[in-house]
Structures are given as structure tokens and as C-alpha cells.
Amino acid sequence: MTWVLYSDSFRKQVQGKAAYVLDTPEMRRVRETQKHISTVKYHEDFEKSKGSFTPVVTDPITERVKKNMQDFSDISYRGIQRRVVEMERKRVDQDQENLTEKYLAVD
């Protein structure tokens, strides 16, 4: 019973009121020290991870994409694509001439 009265009294005194923070010179010094420690740890972790790298996992899809990109780069650099298109156009023209000659020879 006394516990219930005690907790009710405590709730009435504390409930709805903001918790206050001690702002003494000692607490300010502790907060500043914690900020410095946090900053030092952050920079320490950064320096450790700066020189390292994440290994890349190679899988068949990545290898295929790499090869395709390299082939495309080679084609673009060497102008092979233009030659292929030009050769294809010549082949179509030649086929067209052959069809025309066959058509004229039949008549």
C-alpha cells in the first residue's frame, strides 16, 4: 500500500515535467572531452580504412559485361563498326544488283 502511494506521489511530482540537465562547469568539461574523444576515434577509424579497399567479387555476369564493354570500346576506337556497316551496305547493294540482273535476264 505504501508502495502505491509512493509511486503515485512520484508520478504526480515528475510526470509532465521536463528532465533537467546539470550545466555545471564539470559537466561542460565532460561533454567537451567526450566530443574530443569521439572526434579522435572517428579520425582513427577513417585513417585505418583509408588505405583499404573493398574486394570486388567476380561473377560470370560481371565478366561478360566487362568483356562486352571492352569489345565495344575497341570497336568504337578502331572504327570497326563503321566498316561493318559499310560492308553490310555494299552487300545489300550487291544483292540488289544481282536480283536486278536476274530479273532483267529472265525478261
N, C-alpha and C. Protein backbone atom coordinates (compact mmCIF):
# COMPACT_ATOMS: atom_id res chain seq x y z
N MET A 1 0.82 -1.19 0.00
CA MET A 1 0.00 0.00 0.00
C MET A 1 0.87 1.26 0.00
N THR A 2 1.88 1.25 0.82
CA THR A 2 2.75 2.43 0.85
C THR A 2 3.48 2.59 -0.48
N TRP A 3 3.77 1.45 -1.13
CA TRP A 3 4.44 1.50 -2.43
C TRP A 3 3.56 2.19 -3.46
N VAL A 4 2.28 1.90 -3.44
CA VAL A 4 1.34 2.53 -4.36
C VAL A 4 1.26 4.02 -4.09
N LEU A 5 1.18 4.40 -2.84
CA LEU A 5 1.13 5.82 -2.50
C LEU A 5 2.43 6.52 -2.91
N TYR A 6 3.55 5.83 -2.69
CA TYR A 6 4.83 6.41 -3.05
C TYR A 6 4.92 6.62 -4.56
N SER A 7 4.54 5.61 -5.34
CA SER A 7 4.63 5.73 -6.80
C SER A 7 3.64 6.77 -7.32
N ASP A 8 2.46 6.86 -6.74
CA ASP A 8 1.50 7.89 -7.15
C ASP A 8 2.06 9.28 -6.86
N SER A 9 2.65 9.44 -5.69
CA SER A 9 3.23 10.72 -5.33
C SER A 9 4.37 11.07 -6.27
N PHE A 10 5.20 10.08 -6.59
CA PHE A 10 6.32 10.31 -7.50
C PHE A 10 5.82 10.70 -8.90
N ARG A 11 4.81 10.00 -9.39
CA ARG A 11 4.24 10.31 -10.70
C ARG A 11 3.70 11.73 -10.75
N LYS A 12 3.02 12.15 -9.70
CA LYS A 12 2.47 13.50 -9.67
C LYS A 12 3.57 14.55 -9.66
N GLN A 13 4.66 14.28 -9.00
CA GLN A 13 5.76 15.24 -8.93
C GLN A 13 6.55 15.30 -10.24
N VAL A 14 6.73 14.18 -10.91
CA VAL A 14 7.63 14.11 -12.07
C VAL A 14 6.89 14.14 -13.40
N GLN A 15 5.74 13.54 -13.46
CA GLN A 15 5.05 13.37 -14.73
C GLN A 15 4.71 14.72 -15.37
N GLY A 16 5.06 14.86 -16.66
CA GLY A 16 4.75 16.07 -17.40
C GLY A 16 5.78 17.15 -17.26
N LYS A 17 6.81 16.92 -16.47
CA LYS A 17 7.85 17.92 -16.29
C LYS A 17 9.10 17.48 -17.05
N ALA A 18 9.79 18.44 -17.61
CA ALA A 18 11.00 18.13 -18.37
C ALA A 18 12.12 17.74 -17.42
N ALA A 19 12.94 16.83 -17.88
CA ALA A 19 14.11 16.46 -17.08
C ALA A 19 15.15 17.55 -17.25
N TYR A 20 15.75 17.93 -16.20
CA TYR A 20 16.74 19.00 -16.28
C TYR A 20 18.13 18.38 -16.43
N VAL A 21 19.00 19.10 -17.10
CA VAL A 21 20.36 18.65 -17.32
C VAL A 21 21.27 19.52 -16.47
N LEU A 22 22.18 18.87 -15.81
CA LEU A 22 23.12 19.63 -15.00
C LEU A 22 24.06 20.39 -15.92
N ASP A 23 24.14 21.69 -15.71
CA ASP A 23 25.02 22.51 -16.54
C ASP A 23 26.07 23.14 -15.64
N THR A 24 26.82 22.28 -15.03
CA THR A 24 27.89 22.76 -14.17
C THR A 24 29.19 22.81 -14.97
N PRO A 25 30.18 23.54 -14.51
CA PRO A 25 31.46 23.56 -15.23
C PRO A 25 32.04 22.16 -15.43
N GLU A 26 31.87 21.30 -14.46
CA GLU A 26 32.39 19.93 -14.57
C GLU A 26 31.67 19.17 -15.69
N MET A 27 30.33 19.32 -15.77
CA MET A 27 29.57 18.63 -16.82
C MET A 27 29.93 19.18 -18.20
N ARG A 28 30.15 20.51 -18.29
CA ARG A 28 30.57 21.09 -19.58
C ARG A 28 31.92 20.53 -20.00
N ARG A 29 32.84 20.39 -19.04
CA ARG A 29 34.16 19.83 -19.34
C ARG A 29 34.04 18.38 -19.82
N VAL A 30 33.17 17.61 -19.17
CA VAL A 30 32.98 16.21 -19.55
C VAL A 30 32.40 16.12 -20.97
N ARG A 31 31.42 16.99 -21.29
CA ARG A 31 30.84 16.98 -22.64
C ARG A 31 31.88 17.31 -23.70
N GLU A 32 32.71 18.31 -23.44
CA GLU A 32 33.77 18.69 -24.38
C GLU A 32 34.77 17.54 -24.55
N THR A 33 35.12 16.90 -23.44
CA THR A 33 36.06 15.77 -23.52
C THR A 33 35.46 14.64 -24.35
N GLN A 34 34.18 14.36 -24.16
CA GLN A 34 33.53 13.30 -24.93
C GLN A 34 33.51 13.64 -26.42
N LYS A 35 33.28 14.92 -26.75
CA LYS A 35 33.31 15.33 -28.16
C LYS A 35 34.69 15.10 -28.76
N HIS A 36 35.73 15.46 -28.00
CA HIS A 36 37.10 15.27 -28.48
C HIS A 36 37.42 13.79 -28.68
N ILE A 37 37.02 12.98 -27.72
CA ILE A 37 37.27 11.54 -27.81
C ILE A 37 36.56 10.97 -29.03
N SER A 38 35.32 11.38 -29.23
CA SER A 38 34.55 10.90 -30.38
C SER A 38 35.22 11.30 -31.69
N THR A 39 35.69 12.55 -31.77
CA THR A 39 36.36 13.02 -32.98
C THR A 39 37.65 12.26 -33.23
N VAL A 40 38.41 12.01 -32.17
CA VAL A 40 39.67 11.27 -32.31
C VAL A 40 39.39 9.85 -32.80
N LYS A 41 38.39 9.19 -32.23
CA LYS A 41 38.04 7.83 -32.65
C LYS A 41 37.58 7.82 -34.11
N TYR A 42 36.79 8.81 -34.49
CA TYR A 42 36.31 8.89 -35.87
C TYR A 42 37.49 9.00 -36.82
N HIS A 43 38.43 9.90 -36.53
CA HIS A 43 39.58 10.08 -37.42
C HIS A 43 40.48 8.85 -37.41
N GLU A 44 40.59 8.21 -36.28
CA GLU A 44 41.39 6.99 -36.19
C GLU A 44 40.80 5.90 -37.09
N ASP A 45 39.49 5.71 -37.01
CA ASP A 45 38.83 4.73 -37.87
C ASP A 45 38.95 5.11 -39.34
N PHE A 46 38.83 6.39 -39.62
CA PHE A 46 38.95 6.86 -41.00
C PHE A 46 40.35 6.56 -41.55
N GLU A 47 41.38 6.84 -40.76
CA GLU A 47 42.75 6.60 -41.21
C GLU A 47 43.00 5.11 -41.43
N LYS A 48 42.42 4.27 -40.59
CA LYS A 48 42.58 2.82 -40.77
C LYS A 48 41.93 2.36 -42.06
N SER A 49 40.75 2.86 -42.36
CA SER A 49 40.02 2.40 -43.53
C SER A 49 40.43 3.12 -44.81
N LYS A 50 41.18 4.20 -44.70
CA LYS A 50 41.53 5.00 -45.88
C LYS A 50 42.35 4.20 -46.87
N GLY A 51 43.31 3.42 -46.39
CA GLY A 51 44.18 2.69 -47.29
C GLY A 51 43.60 1.38 -47.79
N SER A 52 42.54 0.92 -47.19
CA SER A 52 41.97 -0.36 -47.57
C SER A 52 40.94 -0.19 -48.68
N PHE A 53 40.56 -1.29 -49.27
CA PHE A 53 39.55 -1.25 -50.32
C PHE A 53 38.63 -2.45 -50.15
N THR A 54 37.51 -2.36 -50.78
CA THR A 54 36.55 -3.45 -50.75
C THR A 54 36.84 -4.37 -51.93
N PRO A 55 37.10 -5.64 -51.69
CA PRO A 55 37.37 -6.53 -52.82
C PRO A 55 36.13 -6.69 -53.69
N VAL A 56 36.37 -6.76 -54.98
CA VAL A 56 35.28 -6.89 -55.93
C VAL A 56 35.07 -8.37 -56.21
N VAL A 57 33.85 -8.80 -56.10
CA VAL A 57 33.52 -10.18 -56.38
C VAL A 57 33.33 -10.32 -57.88
N THR A 58 34.02 -11.28 -58.47
CA THR A 58 33.86 -11.51 -59.90
C THR A 58 32.91 -12.67 -60.10
N ASP A 59 31.94 -12.45 -60.93
CA ASP A 59 31.00 -13.50 -61.27
C ASP A 59 30.87 -13.53 -62.79
N PRO A 60 30.25 -14.54 -63.34
CA PRO A 60 30.16 -14.65 -64.80
C PRO A 60 29.47 -13.46 -65.46
N ILE A 61 28.46 -12.93 -64.84
CA ILE A 61 27.74 -11.81 -65.44
C ILE A 61 28.64 -10.58 -65.51
N THR A 62 29.35 -10.30 -64.42
CA THR A 62 30.26 -9.15 -64.40
C THR A 62 31.36 -9.32 -65.44
N GLU A 63 31.91 -10.52 -65.54
CA GLU A 63 32.96 -10.78 -66.53
C GLU A 63 32.42 -10.58 -67.94
N ARG A 64 31.21 -11.05 -68.21
CA ARG A 64 30.61 -10.89 -69.54
C ARG A 64 30.41 -9.42 -69.86
N VAL A 65 29.91 -8.66 -68.90
CA VAL A 65 29.68 -7.23 -69.11
C VAL A 65 31.00 -6.52 -69.35
N LYS A 66 32.04 -6.87 -68.58
CA LYS A 66 33.36 -6.27 -68.78
C LYS A 66 33.87 -6.54 -70.18
N LYS A 67 33.74 -7.80 -70.62
CA LYS A 67 34.22 -8.17 -71.95
C LYS A 67 33.44 -7.42 -73.03
N ASN A 68 32.14 -7.33 -72.87
CA ASN A 68 31.32 -6.60 -73.85
C ASN A 68 31.70 -5.13 -73.90
N MET A 69 31.94 -4.53 -72.74
CA MET A 69 32.33 -3.12 -72.72
C MET A 69 33.69 -2.92 -73.37
N GLN A 70 34.61 -3.86 -73.14
CA GLN A 70 35.93 -3.76 -73.76
C GLN A 70 35.81 -3.92 -75.27
N ASP A 71 34.99 -4.88 -75.71
CA ASP A 71 34.78 -5.07 -77.15
C ASP A 71 34.17 -3.82 -77.77
N PHE A 72 33.17 -3.26 -77.11
CA PHE A 72 32.53 -2.06 -77.63
C PHE A 72 33.52 -0.91 -77.70
N SER A 73 34.37 -0.80 -76.67
CA SER A 73 35.37 0.25 -76.66
C SER A 73 36.35 0.06 -77.81
N ASP A 74 36.79 -1.17 -78.03
CA ASP A 74 37.70 -1.45 -79.15
C ASP A 74 37.05 -1.13 -80.48
N ILE A 75 35.79 -1.51 -80.63
CA ILE A 75 35.07 -1.24 -81.88
C ILE A 75 34.98 0.26 -82.11
N SER A 76 34.63 1.00 -81.08
CA SER A 76 34.50 2.45 -81.22
C SER A 76 35.84 3.09 -81.53
N TYR A 77 36.89 2.63 -80.85
CA TYR A 77 38.21 3.24 -81.03
C TYR A 77 38.77 2.95 -82.42
N ARG A 78 38.62 1.74 -82.88
CA ARG A 78 39.20 1.35 -84.16
C ARG A 78 38.31 1.67 -85.35
N GLY A 79 37.09 2.01 -85.11
CA GLY A 79 36.19 2.33 -86.22
C GLY A 79 35.68 1.09 -86.93
N ILE A 80 35.75 -0.05 -86.27
CA ILE A 80 35.32 -1.30 -86.88
C ILE A 80 33.84 -1.24 -87.20
N GLN A 81 33.07 -0.63 -86.36
CA GLN A 81 31.63 -0.56 -86.57
C GLN A 81 31.30 0.13 -87.88
N ARG A 82 32.01 1.22 -88.18
CA ARG A 82 31.75 1.93 -89.43
C ARG A 82 32.05 1.04 -90.63
N ARG A 83 33.14 0.28 -90.53
CA ARG A 83 33.49 -0.62 -91.64
C ARG A 83 32.45 -1.72 -91.80
N VAL A 84 31.96 -2.25 -90.69
CA VAL A 84 30.95 -3.31 -90.76
C VAL A 84 29.69 -2.78 -91.41
N VAL A 85 29.26 -1.59 -91.01
CA VAL A 85 28.06 -1.00 -91.60
C VAL A 85 28.27 -0.75 -93.09
N GLU A 86 29.45 -0.26 -93.44
CA GLU A 86 29.75 0.00 -94.85
C GLU A 86 29.77 -1.30 -95.64
N MET A 87 30.37 -2.35 -95.08
CA MET A 87 30.40 -3.65 -95.76
C MET A 87 28.98 -4.20 -95.92
N GLU A 88 28.16 -4.04 -94.91
CA GLU A 88 26.77 -4.51 -94.98
C GLU A 88 26.01 -3.76 -96.06
N ARG A 89 26.24 -2.45 -96.15
CA ARG A 89 25.58 -1.65 -97.19
C ARG A 89 26.02 -2.12 -98.58
N LYS A 90 27.32 -2.38 -98.74
CA LYS A 90 27.82 -2.87 -100.03
C LYS A 90 27.21 -4.22 -100.38
N ARG A 91 27.07 -5.10 -99.37
CA ARG A 91 26.48 -6.41 -99.61
C ARG A 91 25.03 -6.27 -100.06
N VAL A 92 24.29 -5.39 -99.40
CA VAL A 92 22.89 -5.18 -99.78
C VAL A 92 22.82 -4.62 -101.20
N ASP A 93 23.70 -3.67 -101.53
CA ASP A 93 23.73 -3.12 -102.89
C ASP A 93 24.05 -4.21 -103.91
N GLN A 94 25.02 -5.06 -103.57
CA GLN A 94 25.40 -6.15 -104.48
C GLN A 94 24.24 -7.12 -104.66
N ASP A 95 23.57 -7.47 -103.57
CA ASP A 95 22.41 -8.36 -103.66
C ASP A 95 21.32 -7.73 -104.52
N GLN A 96 21.13 -6.43 -104.35
CA GLN A 96 20.11 -5.73 -105.14
C GLN A 96 20.48 -5.78 -106.63
N GLU A 97 21.77 -5.57 -106.94
CA GLU A 97 22.21 -5.63 -108.34
C GLU A 97 22.02 -7.03 -108.90
N ASN A 98 22.35 -8.06 -108.11
CA ASN A 98 22.18 -9.44 -108.57
C ASN A 98 20.72 -9.75 -108.84
N LEU A 99 19.83 -9.28 -107.99
CA LEU A 99 18.40 -9.50 -108.21
C LEU A 99 17.93 -8.78 -109.46
N THR A 100 18.43 -7.56 -109.65
CA THR A 100 18.04 -6.79 -110.83
C THR A 100 18.54 -7.49 -112.10
N GLU A 101 19.79 -7.98 -112.09
CA GLU A 101 20.34 -8.68 -113.25
C GLU A 101 19.54 -9.94 -113.53
N LYS A 102 19.16 -10.70 -112.49
CA LYS A 102 18.36 -11.91 -112.68
C LYS A 102 17.02 -11.56 -113.29
N TYR A 103 16.41 -10.48 -112.78
CA TYR A 103 15.10 -10.07 -113.26
C TYR A 103 15.19 -9.65 -114.73
N LEU A 104 16.24 -8.90 -115.09
CA LEU A 104 16.42 -8.46 -116.47
C LEU A 104 16.77 -9.63 -117.39
N ALA A 105 17.53 -10.61 -116.88
CA ALA A 105 17.92 -11.76 -117.70
C ALA A 105 16.73 -12.65 -117.98
N VAL A 106 15.78 -12.71 -117.08
CA VAL A 106 14.60 -13.55 -117.27
C VAL A 106 13.70 -12.95 -118.33
N ASP A 107 13.62 -11.63 -118.40
CA ASP A 107 12.73 -10.99 -119.38
C ASP A 107 13.27 -11.16 -120.71
